[in-house]
C-alpha atoms as a PDB file:
ATOM      1  CA  MET A   1      26.165  -5.156   7.747  1.00  0.00           C
ATOM      2  CA  ASP A   2      29.119  -7.466   7.454  1.00  0.00           C
ATOM      3  CA  TRP A   3      31.692  -6.358  10.047  1.00  0.00           C
ATOM      4  CA  LYS A   4      35.194  -7.865  10.003  1.00  0.00           C
ATOM      5  CA  ILE A   5      38.395  -7.435  11.981  1.00  0.00           C
ATOM      6  CA  GLU A   6      41.360  -8.386   9.876  1.00  0.00           C
ATOM      7  CA  HIS A   7      44.311  -8.134  12.256  1.00  0.00           C
ATOM      8  CA  ILE A   8      44.721  -6.581  15.688  1.00  0.00           C
ATOM      9  CA  VAL A   9      47.064  -6.489  18.663  1.00  0.00           C
ATOM     10  CA  VAL A  10      45.278  -5.670  21.910  1.00  0.00           C
ATOM     11  CA  PRO A  11      46.996  -5.007  25.243  1.00  0.00           C
ATOM     12  CA  VAL A  12      45.141  -6.842  28.035  1.00  0.00           C
ATOM     13  CA  ALA A  13      45.695  -7.443  31.744  1.00  0.00           C
ATOM     14  CA  ASP A  14      44.022 -10.872  31.812  1.00  0.00           C
ATOM     15  CA  VAL A  15      44.208 -13.087  28.718  1.00  0.00           C
ATOM     16  CA  ASP A  16      41.421 -15.434  29.840  1.00  0.00           C
ATOM     17  CA  ARG A  17      39.059 -12.527  30.535  1.00  0.00           C
ATOM     18  CA  ALA A  18      39.915 -10.961  27.163  1.00  0.00           C
ATOM     19  CA  GLU A  19      39.325 -14.248  25.352  1.00  0.00           C
ATOM     20  CA  ASP A  20      35.959 -14.615  27.094  1.00  0.00           C
ATOM     21  CA  PHE A  21      35.030 -11.041  26.158  1.00  0.00           C
ATOM     22  CA  TYR A  22      36.058 -11.177  22.496  1.00  0.00           C
ATOM     23  CA  ALA A  23      35.261 -14.783  21.559  1.00  0.00           C
ATOM     24  CA  GLU A  24      32.366 -15.663  23.857  1.00  0.00           C
ATOM     25  CA  ARG A  25      30.582 -12.357  24.548  1.00  0.00           C
ATOM     26  CA  ALA A  26      31.414 -10.199  21.511  1.00  0.00           C
ATOM     27  CA  GLY A  27      31.314 -13.118  19.080  1.00  0.00           C
ATOM     28  CA  PHE A  28      34.534 -12.169  17.332  1.00  0.00           C
ATOM     29  CA  ASN A  29      34.446 -14.992  14.898  1.00  0.00           C
ATOM     30  CA  LEU A  30      35.042 -11.954  12.739  1.00  0.00           C
ATOM     31  CA  ASP A  31      31.377 -11.226  12.073  1.00  0.00           C
ATOM     32  CA  VAL A  32      30.237  -8.661  14.630  1.00  0.00           C
ATOM     33  CA  ALA A  33      27.509  -6.037  14.439  1.00  0.00           C
ATOM     34  CA  GLN A  34      25.873  -3.699  16.908  1.00  0.00           C
ATOM     35  CA  ALA A  35      22.964  -6.051  17.632  1.00  0.00           C
ATOM     36  CA  GLN A  36      25.340  -8.918  18.412  1.00  0.00           C
ATOM     37  CA  LEU A  37      27.375  -6.756  20.801  1.00  0.00           C
ATOM     38  CA  ARG A  38      24.267  -5.529  22.612  1.00  0.00           C
ATOM     39  CA  ALA A  39      22.761  -9.015  22.747  1.00  0.00           C
ATOM     40  CA  ALA A  40      25.960 -10.125  24.496  1.00  0.00           C
ATOM     41  CA  GLY A  41      25.507  -7.395  27.111  1.00  0.00           C
ATOM     42  CA  ILE A  42      28.274  -5.164  25.743  1.00  0.00           C
ATOM     43  CA  ASP A  43      27.545  -1.449  25.997  1.00  0.00           C
ATOM     44  CA  CYS A  44      28.206   0.100  22.598  1.00  0.00           C
ATOM     45  CA  GLY A  45      27.242   3.344  20.991  1.00  0.00           C
ATOM     46  CA  ASP A  46      24.830   3.840  18.145  1.00  0.00           C
ATOM     47  CA  VAL A  47      25.868   3.381  14.519  1.00  0.00           C
ATOM     48  CA  PHE A  48      26.894   6.748  13.049  1.00  0.00           C
ATOM     49  CA  HIS A  49      28.481   8.489  10.066  1.00  0.00           C
ATOM     50  CA  PHE A  50      29.813  11.950   9.318  1.00  0.00           C
ATOM     51  CA  ASP A  51      27.941  14.501   7.217  1.00  0.00           C
ATOM     52  CA  ALA A  52      29.585  17.839   6.466  1.00  0.00           C
ATOM     53  CA  GLY A  53      32.074  17.234   9.278  1.00  0.00           C
ATOM     54  CA  SER A  54      29.429  16.497  11.917  1.00  0.00           C
ATOM     55  CA  GLN A  55      28.670  13.125  13.495  1.00  0.00           C
ATOM     56  CA  THR A  56      25.193  11.976  12.424  1.00  0.00           C
ATOM     57  CA  ASP A  57      23.116   9.017  13.646  1.00  0.00           C
ATOM     58  CA  GLY A  58      22.674   6.025  11.363  1.00  0.00           C
ATOM     59  CA  PRO A  59      24.787   4.397   8.655  1.00  0.00           C
ATOM     60  CA  ASP A  60      26.348   6.348   5.807  1.00  0.00           C
ATOM     61  CA  PRO A  61      23.497   6.910   3.295  1.00  0.00           C
ATOM     62  CA  GLY A  62      25.664   5.756   0.368  1.00  0.00           C
ATOM     63  CA  ARG A  63      27.209   2.920   2.391  1.00  0.00           C
ATOM     64  CA  ALA A  64      30.651   4.197   1.392  1.00  0.00           C
ATOM     65  CA  ASP A  65      33.692   2.181   2.495  1.00  0.00           C
ATOM     66  CA  TYR A  66      34.868   3.405   5.928  1.00  0.00           C
ATOM     67  CA  GLY A  67      31.789   5.663   6.123  1.00  0.00           C
ATOM     68  CA  THR A  68      29.819   3.940   8.923  1.00  0.00           C
ATOM     69  CA  PHE A  69      31.108   3.615  12.492  1.00  0.00           C
ATOM     70  CA  LEU A  70      30.350   1.913  15.820  1.00  0.00           C
ATOM     71  CA  SER A  71      32.276   2.307  19.089  1.00  0.00           C
ATOM     72  CA  PHE A  72      32.663   0.397  22.353  1.00  0.00           C
ATOM     73  CA  SER A  73      35.207  -0.328  25.107  1.00  0.00           C
ATOM     74  CA  ASP A  74      36.546  -3.680  26.324  1.00  0.00           C
ATOM     75  CA  PRO A  75      37.079  -4.658  29.996  1.00  0.00           C
ATOM     76  CA  ASP A  76      40.672  -3.332  29.903  1.00  0.00           C
ATOM     77  CA  GLY A  77      39.523   0.120  28.793  1.00  0.00           C
ATOM     78  CA  ASN A  78      40.646  -0.233  25.174  1.00  0.00           C
ATOM     79  CA  GLY A  79      38.376   1.947  23.046  1.00  0.00           C
ATOM     80  CA  TRP A  80      37.204   0.490  19.734  1.00  0.00           C
ATOM     81  CA  LEU A  81      36.023   2.315  16.643  1.00  0.00           C
ATOM     82  CA  ILE A  82      34.712  -0.138  14.056  1.00  0.00           C
ATOM     83  CA  GLN A  83      34.335   0.953  10.442  1.00  0.00           C
ATOM     84  CA  GLU A  84      32.181  -0.727   7.798  1.00  0.00           C
ATOM     85  CA  VAL A  85      33.812  -1.727   4.481  1.00  0.00           C
ATOM     86  CA  PRO A  86      30.924  -3.035   2.350  1.00  0.00           C
ATOM     87  CA  SER A  87      32.972  -3.384  -0.837  1.00  0.00           C
ATOM     88  CA  ARG A  88      35.014  -6.288   0.563  1.00  0.00           C
ATOM     89  CA  PRO A  89      33.659  -9.749  -0.176  1.00  0.00           C
ATOM     90  CA  SER A  90      32.418 -11.772   2.790  1.00  0.00           C
END
């Protein structure tokens, strides 16, 4: 999967800690996936999608834009829900 963050504003208590978390640990050189987050020691949930209104494990079977999700929290308690958009060029 090719995960990208296009533009965000994140409230943080400690800029240096946030920079370490996002750039060094999470690898936010704008190409982040579940394996990279876990390899960096970041606790994240499993990849999931919705089927008939219910959350289901695994990626969206049709790989629809905004159909596959991953969630985690940063050190400041900001919750993240990442969505896959496979139709966008890398």
